Amino acid sequence: MKVGLVTDIGGRGDQSFNDSALRGLETWAAGKKFTGSGYRDATPEEIKSSIPSDLSNVQPPIERLPIEPLVLQSKAQEDYEPNLQLLVDQGVALAIGTGFMLENAVKTVAKRNPSSQFLLIDSPLLDAQGKPISAPNVRTVIFREEEGSFLVGALAGLVTKANRVAFVGGMEIPLIKKFEAGFRAGVAATNADAAPRILISYTGSFDNVAIGKQIAQDMLAKGADVVFHAAGSDGLGVIHAVKEARAAGKNAWVIGVDSDQWPVAPDAVLTSMVKRVDLAVHTTVWDLAHGSFQPGNSVLGLKNKGVSYAEVRVDFPGKAAALQRVETLRQKIVSGEIKVPSNIAELASFKVPL
């Protein structure tokens, strides 16, 4: 069966959000690798290396399924609705909208095509007042981004030497504010001196590498030595800025987002706040292939492996103790002992765990 996916404007190659969705569909579900001109079969080694160790025993299992991927890239927001309709017209069994910006398009096309199935990543369906609603042919998946962001914030607080860390967001919207709130709470949990000195800036986009780099360079110039981005393709500019700063002798680190971005700059990426868009996509396709697709809204967080942080492959003083501290905090979030703030209002009343 055909399964279609529409990217948001960040597109293929962002090494972050969209590429995570594509990994779930193409590499994990279809066993394919995109070559630029089409697909080839992925080797067993390529598939195995793309699955992190913490998902090795996940249920349902990550396995190849009898599906054919069909991917349409969106160059502008006006492309979302016609691209989704085109997938339906081409007979896909499931059409996937990748990103909160596709919410209205998914809602419209799903209503127009009640016999087709849809998956919307990163947003529920919303009514005219912005309240979540459901549709009989749509599954939505959102994430507790604040939980993963808390952990990388805690690590940033332990790693910084300057007691100055920074956050670069994309569009200044509630979704990205979840990253900011979680990150700031995490820093506060491990470094009371750095917490009030965090630098915050938003690029206003998700597809402008140059502005991401410019903002990160400014933050580095102001003394930040750990920079976390939640800015889509703009974040590639943030990573490049830190990579160049390290090459020039500055002791600085960058924290990636959504996918494990260590391969982008192995000498500069401390870790990444991983959002398992790939897992959400594969699980839904698995359900479809096994006749168990159900519509409805779901939330993925630390407890059900929807968010995490990537393996820390670089070395720094006190690494073992820092990772143990972060792991302790992770366990407290999973157990419910720590409730991570998901917006700035909740952050104001957040009590730092002892």
Protein backbone atom coordinates (compact mmCIF):
# COMPACT_ATOMS: atom_id res chain seq x y z
CA MET A 1 0.00 0.00 0.00
CA LYS A 2 1.07 3.58 -0.59
CA VAL A 3 1.77 5.88 2.35
CA GLY A 4 2.25 9.55 1.58
CA LEU A 5 3.97 12.33 3.51
CA VAL A 6 3.95 16.10 3.05
CA THR A 7 6.91 17.95 4.54
CA ASP A 8 6.67 21.41 6.02
CA ILE A 9 8.70 24.22 4.47
CA GLY A 10 11.86 23.08 6.29
CA GLY A 11 11.86 20.18 3.86
CA ARG A 12 14.07 17.21 3.26
CA GLY A 13 17.65 17.68 4.40
CA ASP A 14 16.99 19.73 7.54
CA GLN A 15 18.77 16.95 9.51
CA SER A 16 16.15 17.57 12.18
CA PHE A 17 12.34 17.48 12.21
CA ASN A 18 11.47 16.60 8.61
CA ASP A 19 14.31 14.14 8.26
CA SER A 20 13.09 12.39 11.41
CA ALA A 21 9.63 11.92 9.86
CA LEU A 22 11.21 10.69 6.64
CA ARG A 23 13.38 8.23 8.56
CA GLY A 24 10.28 6.75 10.17
CA LEU A 25 8.52 6.35 6.83
CA GLU A 26 11.31 5.61 4.36
CA THR A 27 14.09 3.85 6.28
CA TRP A 28 12.16 2.14 9.06
CA ALA A 29 8.78 1.37 7.48
CA ALA A 30 9.68 0.96 3.81
CA GLY A 31 13.33 -0.11 4.14
CA LYS A 32 14.34 2.49 1.55
CA LYS A 33 16.99 5.17 1.16
CA PHE A 34 16.31 8.28 -0.90
CA THR A 35 19.13 8.95 -3.38
CA GLY A 36 18.02 12.27 -4.87
CA SER A 37 16.61 10.66 -8.00
CA GLY A 38 14.57 7.90 -6.36
CA TYR A 39 14.77 5.07 -3.87
CA ARG A 40 17.08 2.13 -3.36
CA ASP A 41 16.78 -0.63 -0.79
CA ALA A 42 18.45 0.27 2.49
CA THR A 43 21.05 -2.22 3.66
CA PRO A 44 20.48 -4.08 6.94
CA GLU A 45 23.43 -2.14 8.36
CA GLU A 46 21.91 1.22 7.36
CA ILE A 47 18.61 0.34 8.99
CA LYS A 48 20.25 -1.00 12.15
CA SER A 49 22.51 2.04 12.55
CA SER A 50 19.52 4.39 12.22
CA ILE A 51 17.71 2.85 15.21
CA PRO A 52 19.00 4.10 18.58
CA SER A 53 19.67 1.54 21.28
CA ASP A 54 16.85 2.75 23.51
CA LEU A 55 14.33 1.79 20.79
CA SER A 56 15.74 -1.70 20.16
CA ASN A 57 12.91 -3.36 22.09
CA VAL A 58 10.13 -0.84 21.48
CA GLN A 59 6.59 -2.11 20.79
CA PRO A 60 5.35 -2.31 18.14
CA PRO A 61 8.77 -3.29 16.79
CA ILE A 62 10.62 -1.16 14.27
CA GLU A 63 10.47 -3.36 11.20
CA ARG A 64 10.06 -3.19 7.45
CA LEU A 65 6.43 -3.09 6.31
CA PRO A 66 4.73 -3.77 2.94
CA ILE A 67 4.38 -0.11 2.00
CA GLU A 68 5.53 2.25 -0.73
CA PRO A 69 6.49 5.79 0.36
CA LEU A 70 5.35 8.83 -1.57
CA VAL A 71 6.82 12.15 -0.40
CA LEU A 72 5.88 15.66 -1.48
CA GLN A 73 7.97 18.64 -0.38
CA SER A 74 6.30 21.94 0.40
CA LYS A 75 8.08 25.10 -0.74
CA ALA A 76 5.48 27.45 0.77
CA GLN A 77 2.59 27.18 3.20
CA GLU A 78 0.19 27.45 0.26
CA ASP A 79 1.45 24.03 -0.89
CA TYR A 80 0.18 22.12 2.15
CA GLU A 81 -3.46 21.61 1.17
CA PRO A 82 -2.93 20.81 -2.53
CA ASN A 83 -0.07 18.44 -1.67
CA LEU A 84 -2.23 16.51 0.80
CA GLN A 85 -5.07 16.36 -1.74
CA LEU A 86 -2.63 15.13 -4.39
CA LEU A 87 -1.60 12.26 -2.12
CA VAL A 88 -5.25 11.31 -1.67
CA ASP A 89 -5.83 11.52 -5.43
CA GLN A 90 -2.87 9.19 -5.95
CA GLY A 91 -4.48 6.56 -3.74
CA VAL A 92 -2.42 6.60 -0.56
CA ALA A 93 -3.79 4.54 2.34
CA LEU A 94 -2.45 7.14 4.77
CA ALA A 95 -1.49 10.80 4.25
CA ILE A 96 0.93 12.31 6.80
CA GLY A 97 1.13 16.03 7.51
CA THR A 98 4.52 16.81 9.05
CA GLY A 99 4.34 19.79 11.38
CA PHE A 100 1.90 22.04 13.22
CA MET A 101 1.71 24.37 10.22
CA LEU A 102 -0.22 21.66 8.33
CA GLU A 103 -3.04 21.52 10.92
CA ASN A 104 -5.56 23.51 8.91
CA ALA A 105 -4.70 21.69 5.67
CA VAL A 106 -5.09 18.25 7.30
CA LYS A 107 -8.41 19.28 8.85
CA THR A 108 -9.72 20.57 5.51
CA VAL A 109 -8.55 17.66 3.34
CA ALA A 110 -9.63 15.04 5.88
CA LYS A 111 -13.14 16.50 5.97
CA ARG A 112 -13.25 16.56 2.17
CA ASN A 113 -12.07 12.93 1.96
CA PRO A 114 -13.77 11.01 4.79
CA SER A 115 -12.73 7.58 3.45
CA SER A 116 -9.00 8.46 3.60
CA GLN A 117 -6.80 8.18 6.70
CA PHE A 118 -4.51 10.95 7.98
CA LEU A 119 -1.73 11.48 10.52
CA LEU A 120 -0.92 14.98 11.78
CA ILE A 121 2.38 15.40 13.62
CA ASP A 122 2.94 18.17 16.20
CA SER A 123 -0.57 19.53 16.62
CA PRO A 124 -4.09 18.41 17.47
CA LEU A 125 -6.90 19.47 15.20
CA LEU A 126 -8.28 22.81 16.40
CA ASP A 127 -11.67 24.49 16.22
CA ALA A 128 -12.25 28.16 15.46
CA GLN A 129 -11.50 29.04 19.09
CA GLY A 130 -8.24 27.08 19.07
CA LYS A 131 -9.63 24.21 21.18
CA PRO A 132 -8.58 20.62 20.36
CA ILE A 133 -11.14 18.57 18.44
CA SER A 134 -11.11 15.13 16.85
CA ALA A 135 -12.01 13.72 13.44
CA PRO A 136 -13.02 10.13 12.61
CA ASN A 137 -10.20 9.66 10.09
CA VAL A 138 -7.32 11.59 11.70
CA ARG A 139 -4.71 10.54 14.24
CA THR A 140 -2.70 13.36 15.82
CA VAL A 141 0.53 13.08 17.80
CA ILE A 142 2.03 15.78 19.98
CA PHE A 143 5.08 15.61 22.23
CA ARG A 144 6.18 16.71 25.68
CA GLU A 145 9.09 18.69 24.26
CA GLU A 146 9.56 20.43 27.59
CA GLU A 147 10.67 17.15 29.20
CA GLY A 148 13.52 16.48 26.80
CA SER A 149 14.45 20.15 26.80
CA PHE A 150 14.67 20.04 30.62
CA LEU A 151 17.28 17.29 30.43
CA VAL A 152 19.49 19.07 27.89
CA GLY A 153 19.09 22.27 29.94
CA ALA A 154 20.26 20.42 33.02
CA LEU A 155 23.27 19.15 31.08
CA ALA A 156 23.99 22.66 29.77
CA GLY A 157 23.95 23.98 33.33
CA LEU A 158 26.51 21.37 34.34
CA VAL A 159 28.78 21.88 31.32
CA THR A 160 28.94 25.68 31.07
CA LYS A 161 32.13 27.27 32.32
CA ALA A 162 30.96 30.84 31.77
CA ASN A 163 27.64 30.37 33.58
CA ARG A 164 25.99 31.72 30.47
CA VAL A 165 23.94 29.52 28.14
CA ALA A 166 21.58 30.42 25.32
CA PHE A 167 18.40 29.34 23.56
CA VAL A 168 17.57 30.00 19.90
CA GLY A 169 13.95 29.36 18.90
CA GLY A 170 12.36 29.49 15.47
CA MET A 171 8.90 31.02 15.37
CA GLU A 172 7.86 32.48 18.73
CA ILE A 173 4.77 30.29 19.20
CA PRO A 174 3.49 28.13 22.09
CA LEU A 175 5.06 24.98 20.63
CA ILE A 176 8.57 26.43 20.66
CA LYS A 177 7.95 28.12 24.01
CA LYS A 178 7.66 24.58 25.41
CA PHE A 179 11.30 24.01 24.44
CA GLU A 180 12.33 27.31 26.01
CA ALA A 181 10.44 26.71 29.26
CA GLY A 182 11.80 23.20 29.67
CA PHE A 183 15.35 24.27 28.88
CA ARG A 184 15.29 27.18 31.33
CA ALA A 185 13.88 24.95 34.07
CA GLY A 186 16.59 22.38 33.42
CA VAL A 187 19.35 24.96 33.68
CA ALA A 188 17.83 26.21 36.94
CA ALA A 189 17.83 22.66 38.31
CA THR A 190 21.61 22.32 38.01
CA ASN A 191 23.07 25.83 37.90
CA ALA A 192 21.48 28.62 39.93
CA ASP A 193 24.12 31.10 38.73
CA ALA A 194 23.47 30.48 35.03
CA ALA A 195 19.65 30.38 35.26
CA PRO A 196 19.02 34.16 35.45
CA ARG A 197 21.61 34.91 32.75
CA ILE A 198 20.20 32.79 29.91
CA LEU A 199 20.19 34.50 26.52
CA ILE A 200 16.95 33.99 24.55
CA SER A 201 16.30 34.85 20.91
CA TYR A 202 13.89 33.82 18.15
CA THR A 203 14.63 33.78 14.42
CA GLY A 204 10.98 34.11 13.36
CA SER A 205 11.31 31.24 10.87
CA PHE A 206 12.34 27.62 10.37
CA ASP A 207 14.03 27.83 6.98
CA ASN A 208 16.66 30.59 7.22
CA VAL A 209 20.09 29.13 7.99
CA ALA A 210 21.80 32.51 7.72
CA ILE A 211 19.78 34.21 10.46
CA GLY A 212 20.27 31.23 12.76
CA LYS A 213 24.02 31.58 12.33
CA GLN A 214 23.92 35.35 12.86
CA ILE A 215 21.96 35.08 16.12
CA ALA A 216 24.23 32.34 17.45
CA GLN A 217 27.34 34.38 16.65
CA ASP A 218 25.89 37.27 18.63
CA MET A 219 25.17 35.00 21.60
CA LEU A 220 28.69 33.58 21.52
CA ALA A 221 30.08 37.11 21.41
CA LYS A 222 28.05 37.89 24.55
CA GLY A 223 29.75 35.05 26.39
CA ALA A 224 27.44 32.05 25.93
CA ASP A 225 29.33 28.77 25.80
CA VAL A 226 26.38 26.36 25.39
CA VAL A 227 23.66 27.13 22.82
CA PHE A 228 20.47 25.06 22.41
CA HIS A 229 18.37 25.56 19.29
CA ALA A 230 14.78 24.62 18.46
CA ALA A 231 14.68 26.33 15.10
CA GLY A 232 14.38 23.78 12.30
CA SER A 233 16.73 24.49 9.42
CA ASP A 234 17.71 27.78 11.07
CA GLY A 235 19.40 25.59 13.65
CA LEU A 236 21.93 24.39 11.07
CA GLY A 237 23.22 27.96 11.12
CA VAL A 238 23.44 27.84 14.91
CA ILE A 239 25.47 24.63 14.70
CA HIS A 240 27.80 26.09 12.08
CA ALA A 241 28.38 29.20 14.20
CA VAL A 242 29.45 27.11 17.20
CA LYS A 243 31.57 24.86 15.01
CA GLU A 244 33.43 27.89 13.66
CA ALA A 245 33.83 29.33 17.15
CA ARG A 246 35.39 26.11 18.38
CA ALA A 247 37.72 26.04 15.38
CA ALA A 248 38.79 29.56 16.40
CA GLY A 249 39.63 28.37 19.90
CA LYS A 250 36.44 29.13 21.88
CA ASN A 251 35.30 26.45 24.31
CA ALA A 252 31.64 26.27 23.25
CA TRP A 253 29.03 23.61 22.61
CA VAL A 254 25.76 23.42 20.68
CA ILE A 255 22.74 21.26 21.48
CA GLY A 256 20.72 20.04 18.51
CA VAL A 257 17.02 19.26 18.25
CA ASP A 258 14.50 16.68 17.00
CA SER A 259 17.07 14.34 15.41
CA ASP A 260 20.50 13.41 16.74
CA GLN A 261 22.48 16.21 15.10
CA TRP A 262 25.94 15.01 16.19
CA PRO A 263 26.84 14.03 12.58
CA VAL A 264 26.36 17.66 11.47
CA ALA A 265 29.37 18.78 13.55
CA PRO A 266 30.91 15.95 15.61
CA ASP A 267 33.37 18.28 17.31
CA ALA A 268 30.74 20.82 18.38
CA VAL A 269 27.45 19.04 19.15
CA LEU A 270 27.19 18.19 22.85
CA THR A 271 23.90 16.28 22.50
CA SER A 272 20.46 16.79 20.94
CA MET A 273 16.93 16.96 22.32
CA VAL A 274 15.48 14.11 20.32
CA LYS A 275 11.80 14.21 19.42
CA ARG A 276 10.69 10.83 18.12
CA VAL A 277 8.76 11.95 15.07
CA ASP A 278 10.27 8.89 13.37
CA LEU A 279 8.74 6.59 15.99
CA ALA A 280 5.32 8.28 15.77
CA VAL A 281 5.32 7.87 11.98
CA HIS A 282 6.50 4.25 12.03
CA THR A 283 4.05 3.24 14.78
CA THR A 284 1.13 4.70 12.83
CA VAL A 285 2.22 3.01 9.59
CA TRP A 286 2.67 -0.27 11.50
CA ASP A 287 -0.87 0.05 12.83
CA LEU A 288 -2.13 0.75 9.31
CA ALA A 289 -0.31 -2.28 7.86
CA HIS A 290 -1.70 -4.52 10.61
CA GLY A 291 -5.26 -3.25 10.32
CA SER A 292 -5.22 -1.57 13.72
CA PHE A 293 -5.13 2.12 12.77
CA GLN A 294 -7.28 4.15 15.14
CA PRO A 295 -7.97 7.90 14.95
CA GLY A 296 -7.61 10.11 17.99
CA ASN A 297 -5.10 12.25 19.84
CA SER A 298 -1.95 10.98 21.55
CA VAL A 299 0.90 12.52 23.55
CA LEU A 300 4.47 11.19 23.64
CA GLY A 301 6.94 12.09 26.38
CA LEU A 302 9.89 10.66 28.28
CA LYS A 303 7.81 7.88 29.81
CA ASN A 304 6.80 6.39 26.46
CA LYS A 305 10.04 7.22 24.64
CA GLY A 306 8.54 10.06 22.62
CA VAL A 307 11.36 12.43 23.64
CA SER A 308 14.88 11.84 24.88
CA TYR A 309 18.39 13.20 24.52
CA ALA A 310 21.00 11.82 22.17
CA GLU A 311 24.12 9.95 23.23
CA VAL A 312 26.80 12.33 24.48
CA ARG A 313 29.80 11.32 22.38
CA VAL A 314 32.14 14.21 23.25
CA ASP A 315 34.31 14.45 26.35
CA PHE A 316 34.37 17.20 28.96
CA PRO A 317 35.54 17.41 32.58
CA GLY A 318 33.15 15.68 34.98
CA LYS A 319 31.24 13.94 32.19
CA ALA A 320 30.33 10.78 34.13
CA ALA A 321 28.96 12.69 37.13
CA ALA A 322 27.04 15.10 34.89
CA LEU A 323 25.37 12.28 32.96
CA GLN A 324 24.45 10.54 36.20
CA ARG A 325 22.83 13.75 37.46
CA VAL A 326 20.84 14.07 34.25
CA GLU A 327 19.76 10.43 34.45
CA THR A 328 18.53 10.96 38.02
CA LEU A 329 16.46 13.91 36.84
CA ARG A 330 15.10 11.82 33.94
CA GLN A 331 13.91 9.15 36.34
CA LYS A 332 12.21 11.77 38.52
CA ILE A 333 10.31 13.12 35.51
CA VAL A 334 9.22 9.63 34.44
CA SER A 335 8.05 8.83 37.98
CA GLY A 336 6.10 12.10 38.19
CA GLU A 337 8.22 13.52 40.99
CA ILE A 338 9.21 16.41 38.71
CA LYS A 339 6.54 18.15 36.63
CA VAL A 340 8.37 20.13 33.97
CA PRO A 341 6.84 23.51 33.04
CA SER A 342 5.48 23.62 29.49
CA ASN A 343 5.14 27.39 29.21
CA ILE A 344 6.64 30.57 30.65
CA ALA A 345 3.77 31.06 33.13
CA GLU A 346 4.40 27.62 34.65
CA LEU A 347 8.13 28.32 34.69
CA ALA A 348 7.57 31.23 37.08
CA SER A 349 6.26 28.88 39.78
CA PHE A 350 8.62 25.99 39.07
CA LYS A 351 10.40 24.70 42.14
CA VAL A 352 13.94 23.49 41.52
CA PRO A 353 14.20 19.83 42.63
CA LEU A 354 16.62 19.07 45.45
